[in-house]
Amino acid sequence: MPKQVQHDRMFDRLNFNTAGMPHRTKGSYPEAFKILKEMDLDGMEMEFVHGVRMSSGTRELVRKLAAEQNILLTAHSPYYINLNAREEEKVEASIRYIVETAQAAKDTGAYSITYHAAFYLGQDKEEVYKRVQAQTARIIEIINKENINVWIRPETTGKPTQWGDLDEIIRLSTEFDKVLPCVDFAHLHARSNGKFNTYDEFAKILEKIGTEIGTYALENFHGHVAGIAYGEKGEKHHLNLAEADLNYKELLKAMKNLGVKGALTCETPNIEEDTKLLKDYYMSL
């Protein structure tokens, strides 16, 4: 049986989302959605960088407008998350941030949420995996109790010190019904100091997900793409696509040929222009 969440939607294509509001927006969701429609973009990832701060009125407005205008929403949890923190209060805060993001996603009609799950802190990888696994079980228990039916997606991370290589994300996704990967292709490229940058490598990533989790994971996809600066220690910072070596054209070809559907979020500094660049190239294939 494929994984299911109650509000599950069937996608007929890959959608292209901006990471946060387009830069030309002056701060309101109605204006942001208007710009997205004018640019023929598909949606937006709500960025809860410093905390999940969104009033009930705003949540209701976002849900209404997104539904009316066919805007696809996803959400990114705050960056302070570490499910392997040594301090128990930091673990509890991390769980709370993820649950709060999931609640905001439910309230706004967002499709799925993503987060950077943990740091190794010099510990054994398998021990860290078990801790992330245990905290994920707690998160799922809470959101089930609250009747929150959104995808929970740990993200592939950009530094070798961060938990979240492709194998770890896939493994966790096979163990929980509401968990699927958020594949950040720039992070995989940076984490490996330059690998994962050819058509064959991109195709292998997607085929691995389809084989080990199921084709459903490719038909309900959530991924990130950006230009990225990196070195031996992995990710340094994001770049615009034109300034970076990430071979986004080969990535898009692989995604199209393998029938990937869902949401692809562009996280470059030049967000709306690069999101448009990605969509236009994809549609030309």
Protein backbone atom coordinates (compact mmCIF):
# COMPACT_ATOMS: atom_id res chain seq x y z
CA MET A 1 0.00 0.00 0.00
CA PRO A 2 1.30 3.50 -0.80
CA LYS A 3 1.81 5.89 2.07
CA GLN A 4 -1.22 8.11 2.61
CA VAL A 5 -2.21 11.22 4.50
CA GLN A 6 -5.87 12.21 4.67
CA HIS A 7 -5.64 15.38 2.59
CA ASP A 8 -3.36 13.64 0.10
CA ARG A 9 -3.46 15.13 -3.36
CA MET A 10 -2.57 13.61 -6.68
CA PHE A 11 -0.15 15.67 -8.75
CA ASP A 12 -0.17 15.69 -12.53
CA ARG A 13 3.16 17.50 -12.81
CA LEU A 14 6.13 19.06 -11.05
CA ASN A 15 5.35 22.42 -9.43
CA PHE A 16 7.89 25.22 -8.98
CA ASN A 17 7.84 27.13 -5.68
CA THR A 18 9.74 30.09 -4.31
CA ALA A 19 11.46 29.76 -0.93
CA GLY A 20 9.48 32.40 0.93
CA MET A 21 7.70 35.39 -0.54
CA PRO A 22 9.09 36.78 -3.81
CA HIS A 23 11.58 39.54 -2.99
CA ARG A 24 9.53 42.22 -4.71
CA THR A 25 6.70 41.54 -2.26
CA LYS A 26 6.35 44.22 0.41
CA GLY A 27 5.27 41.77 3.06
CA SER A 28 1.71 40.55 2.46
CA TYR A 29 0.54 37.13 1.35
CA PRO A 30 -2.09 38.52 -1.07
CA GLU A 31 0.64 40.50 -2.85
CA ALA A 32 3.02 37.52 -2.85
CA PHE A 33 0.38 35.25 -4.40
CA LYS A 34 -0.45 37.93 -7.00
CA ILE A 35 3.23 38.08 -8.05
CA LEU A 36 3.45 34.29 -8.25
CA LYS A 37 0.43 34.17 -10.55
CA GLU A 38 1.76 37.03 -12.69
CA MET A 39 5.03 35.14 -13.14
CA ASP A 40 3.24 31.83 -13.82
CA LEU A 41 4.89 30.22 -10.80
CA ASP A 42 3.12 27.48 -8.89
CA GLY A 43 3.55 28.10 -5.20
CA MET A 44 5.62 29.06 -2.21
CA GLU A 45 7.45 27.52 0.71
CA MET A 46 6.52 29.37 3.89
CA GLU A 47 9.80 30.02 5.74
CA PHE A 48 9.41 29.88 9.51
CA VAL A 49 13.08 30.68 10.04
CA HIS A 50 13.02 32.13 13.56
CA GLY A 51 9.83 30.58 14.87
CA VAL A 52 6.31 29.69 13.75
CA ARG A 53 4.74 33.12 14.09
CA MET A 54 1.49 33.37 12.15
CA SER A 55 -1.81 34.65 13.51
CA SER A 56 -4.99 32.64 13.17
CA GLY A 57 -6.41 35.34 10.90
CA THR A 58 -3.41 35.16 8.58
CA ARG A 59 -3.61 31.37 8.50
CA GLU A 60 -7.26 31.55 7.49
CA LEU A 61 -6.53 34.16 4.80
CA VAL A 62 -3.61 32.17 3.37
CA ARG A 63 -5.68 29.00 3.24
CA LYS A 64 -8.55 30.78 1.46
CA LEU A 65 -6.37 32.59 -1.10
CA ALA A 66 -4.15 29.58 -1.83
CA ALA A 67 -7.20 27.42 -2.49
CA GLU A 68 -8.88 30.04 -4.67
CA GLN A 69 -5.75 30.76 -6.72
CA ASN A 70 -4.43 27.19 -6.87
CA ILE A 71 -1.21 28.09 -5.03
CA LEU A 72 0.75 25.07 -3.78
CA LEU A 73 2.16 25.64 -0.29
CA THR A 74 4.90 23.88 1.64
CA ALA A 75 6.61 24.98 4.86
CA HIS A 76 10.12 25.02 6.33
CA SER A 77 10.59 24.67 10.09
CA PRO A 78 12.85 26.99 12.12
CA TYR A 79 16.61 26.48 11.81
CA TYR A 80 17.22 25.87 15.53
CA ILE A 81 16.25 22.19 15.36
CA ASN A 82 18.52 19.44 16.67
CA LEU A 83 16.80 16.19 17.62
CA ASN A 84 20.20 14.93 18.85
CA ALA A 85 20.96 17.88 21.14
CA ARG A 86 22.74 17.04 24.39
CA GLU A 87 20.38 19.28 26.34
CA GLU A 88 16.94 17.74 26.74
CA GLU A 89 15.26 21.15 26.63
CA LYS A 90 16.71 21.70 23.13
CA VAL A 91 15.32 18.37 21.98
CA GLU A 92 11.91 19.29 23.38
CA ALA A 93 12.04 22.70 21.69
CA SER A 94 12.99 21.01 18.41
CA ILE A 95 10.00 18.69 18.60
CA ARG A 96 7.77 21.67 19.40
CA TYR A 97 9.06 23.63 16.39
CA ILE A 98 8.32 20.73 14.04
CA VAL A 99 4.84 20.17 15.47
CA GLU A 100 4.08 23.91 15.33
CA THR A 101 5.17 23.98 11.66
CA ALA A 102 2.95 20.99 10.94
CA GLN A 103 0.02 22.73 12.63
CA ALA A 104 0.63 25.88 10.55
CA ALA A 105 0.73 23.70 7.45
CA LYS A 106 -2.59 22.11 8.36
CA ASP A 107 -4.15 25.52 9.06
CA THR A 108 -3.00 26.99 5.72
CA GLY A 109 -3.59 23.90 3.58
CA ALA A 110 0.12 23.34 2.95
CA TYR A 111 1.17 20.08 1.37
CA SER A 112 4.20 19.14 3.48
CA ILE A 113 6.84 20.48 5.87
CA THR A 114 10.59 20.08 5.98
CA TYR A 115 13.38 20.63 8.52
CA HIS A 116 17.07 20.01 9.19
CA ALA A 117 16.74 17.25 11.74
CA ALA A 118 19.98 16.95 13.72
CA PHE A 119 23.75 17.20 14.14
CA TYR A 120 26.03 14.24 14.83
CA LEU A 121 28.03 16.12 17.52
CA GLY A 122 30.90 13.68 16.98
CA GLN A 123 28.77 10.69 17.97
CA ASP A 124 28.36 7.30 16.30
CA LYS A 125 26.10 7.63 13.24
CA GLU A 126 23.92 4.66 14.18
CA GLU A 127 23.38 5.98 17.71
CA VAL A 128 22.36 9.36 16.32
CA TYR A 129 20.03 7.65 13.86
CA LYS A 130 18.31 5.82 16.72
CA ARG A 131 17.82 9.07 18.60
CA VAL A 132 16.36 10.82 15.54
CA GLN A 133 14.16 7.77 14.99
CA ALA A 134 12.88 7.90 18.57
CA GLN A 135 12.10 11.62 18.40
CA THR A 136 10.39 11.17 15.03
CA ALA A 137 8.12 8.57 16.62
CA ARG A 138 7.19 11.15 19.27
CA ILE A 139 6.48 13.78 16.61
CA ILE A 140 4.24 11.39 14.68
CA GLU A 141 2.40 10.44 17.87
CA ILE A 142 1.70 14.11 18.64
CA ILE A 143 0.52 15.06 15.16
CA ASN A 144 -1.69 11.98 14.97
CA LYS A 145 -3.29 12.94 18.28
CA GLU A 146 -3.85 16.49 16.94
CA ASN A 147 -5.26 15.11 13.65
CA ILE A 148 -2.56 16.88 11.63
CA ASN A 149 -2.32 15.16 8.26
CA VAL A 150 0.66 16.62 6.42
CA TRP A 151 3.90 15.08 5.19
CA ILE A 152 6.81 15.33 7.64
CA ARG A 153 10.06 15.52 5.67
CA PRO A 154 13.58 15.56 7.10
CA GLU A 155 15.84 17.27 4.56
CA THR A 156 19.10 16.02 3.10
CA THR A 157 21.72 18.30 4.65
CA GLY A 158 24.73 20.13 3.24
CA LYS A 159 27.53 19.38 5.73
CA PRO A 160 29.06 16.06 6.85
CA THR A 161 28.58 17.22 10.47
CA GLN A 162 24.80 17.27 9.98
CA TRP A 163 22.61 14.20 10.24
CA GLY A 164 20.75 13.62 6.99
CA ASP A 165 22.59 11.91 4.18
CA LEU A 166 20.42 10.33 1.49
CA ASP A 167 20.55 6.85 3.02
CA GLU A 168 19.50 8.11 6.45
CA ILE A 169 16.58 10.10 5.06
CA ILE A 170 15.36 7.17 2.95
CA ARG A 171 15.72 4.74 5.85
CA LEU A 172 13.66 6.95 8.17
CA SER A 173 11.03 7.35 5.44
CA THR A 174 10.55 3.58 5.23
CA GLU A 175 9.81 3.37 8.96
CA PHE A 176 7.01 5.94 9.36
CA ASP A 177 3.82 6.37 7.32
CA LYS A 178 3.82 10.19 7.40
CA VAL A 179 7.54 10.61 6.65
CA LEU A 180 8.99 11.11 3.16
CA PRO A 181 12.27 12.73 2.06
CA CYS A 182 12.85 16.36 1.24
CA VAL A 183 15.72 16.04 -1.22
CA ASP A 184 17.91 19.13 -1.36
CA PHE A 185 20.02 18.53 -4.46
CA ALA A 186 22.35 21.44 -3.70
CA HIS A 187 23.00 20.01 -0.23
CA LEU A 188 23.86 16.57 -1.63
CA HIS A 189 26.21 18.24 -4.10
CA ALA A 190 27.91 20.29 -1.37
CA ARG A 191 28.00 17.53 1.24
CA SER A 192 29.94 15.33 -1.19
CA ASN A 193 32.25 18.20 -2.22
CA GLY A 194 31.11 18.22 -5.82
CA LYS A 195 29.49 14.87 -6.57
CA PHE A 196 25.81 14.36 -7.46
CA ASN A 197 25.96 16.70 -10.44
CA THR A 198 25.39 14.60 -13.58
CA TYR A 199 22.25 13.24 -15.21
CA ASP A 200 23.16 9.69 -14.17
CA GLU A 201 23.81 10.70 -10.56
CA PHE A 202 20.53 12.63 -10.32
CA ALA A 203 18.67 9.72 -11.89
CA LYS A 204 20.24 7.27 -9.40
CA ILE A 205 19.08 9.42 -6.47
CA LEU A 206 15.51 9.38 -7.76
CA GLU A 207 15.59 5.70 -8.71
CA LYS A 208 16.89 4.82 -5.25
CA ILE A 209 13.97 6.67 -3.65
CA GLY A 210 11.49 4.99 -5.98
CA THR A 211 12.93 1.54 -5.35
CA GLU A 212 13.48 1.71 -1.58
CA ILE A 213 10.42 3.75 -0.56
CA GLY A 214 8.13 3.26 -3.56
CA THR A 215 7.16 5.16 -6.69
CA TYR A 216 4.68 7.02 -4.52
CA ALA A 217 7.61 9.02 -3.12
CA LEU A 218 8.36 10.32 -6.62
CA GLU A 219 4.72 11.14 -7.33
CA ASN A 220 4.41 13.17 -4.10
CA PHE A 221 7.83 14.79 -4.13
CA HIS A 222 9.19 17.73 -2.14
CA GLY A 223 12.66 18.93 -3.06
CA HIS A 224 14.97 21.94 -2.98
CA VAL A 225 17.39 23.30 -5.55
CA ALA A 226 19.86 26.20 -5.49
CA GLY A 227 23.30 27.19 -6.57
CA ILE A 228 25.74 26.51 -3.76
CA ALA A 229 29.27 27.33 -2.64
CA TYR A 230 31.05 24.42 -0.94
CA GLY A 231 34.37 22.92 0.08
CA GLU A 232 35.77 19.94 1.97
CA LYS A 233 33.51 20.76 4.93
CA GLY A 234 30.46 20.92 2.71
CA GLU A 235 28.01 23.77 2.27
CA LYS A 236 29.16 27.37 2.65
CA HIS A 237 26.24 29.42 1.32
CA HIS A 238 23.64 29.50 -1.44
CA LEU A 239 24.31 31.14 -4.81
CA ASN A 240 22.20 32.13 -7.77
CA LEU A 241 22.02 29.41 -10.40
CA ALA A 242 24.06 31.41 -12.93
CA GLU A 243 26.92 31.81 -10.39
CA ALA A 244 27.19 28.15 -9.42
CA ASP A 245 28.22 24.80 -10.87
CA LEU A 246 25.05 22.88 -10.00
CA ASN A 247 23.90 21.29 -13.25
CA TYR A 248 20.24 22.14 -12.83
CA LYS A 249 19.42 21.39 -16.48
CA GLU A 250 20.49 17.76 -16.13
CA LEU A 251 18.60 17.55 -12.83
CA LEU A 252 15.40 18.77 -14.45
CA LYS A 253 15.84 16.35 -17.35
CA ALA A 254 16.18 13.47 -14.88
CA MET A 255 13.13 14.60 -12.91
CA LYS A 256 11.04 14.87 -16.07
CA ASN A 257 12.19 11.54 -17.50
CA LEU A 258 11.50 9.71 -14.24
CA GLY A 259 8.05 11.25 -13.89
CA VAL A 260 8.69 13.17 -10.66
CA LYS A 261 5.61 15.11 -9.51
CA GLY A 262 5.02 17.38 -6.54
CA ALA A 263 6.93 20.47 -5.39
CA LEU A 264 10.42 21.75 -6.19
CA THR A 265 11.42 24.82 -4.17
CA CYS A 266 14.11 27.21 -5.41
CA GLU A 267 16.29 28.55 -2.58
CA THR A 268 18.68 30.86 -4.43
CA PRO A 269 19.13 34.49 -3.30
CA ASN A 270 17.41 35.52 -6.56
CA ILE A 271 14.38 33.42 -5.75
CA GLU A 272 11.57 34.39 -8.09
CA GLU A 273 13.82 34.91 -11.13
CA ASP A 274 15.58 31.57 -10.64
CA THR A 275 12.30 29.76 -9.92
CA LYS A 276 11.05 31.14 -13.24
CA LEU A 277 14.29 30.05 -14.93
CA LEU A 278 13.81 26.51 -13.63
CA LYS A 279 10.17 26.28 -14.65
CA ASP A 280 10.74 27.73 -18.10
CA TYR A 281 13.57 25.30 -18.81
CA TYR A 282 11.58 22.36 -17.47
CA MET A 283 8.58 23.27 -19.63
CA SER A 284 10.85 23.49 -22.70
CA LEU A 285 11.92 19.86 -22.35
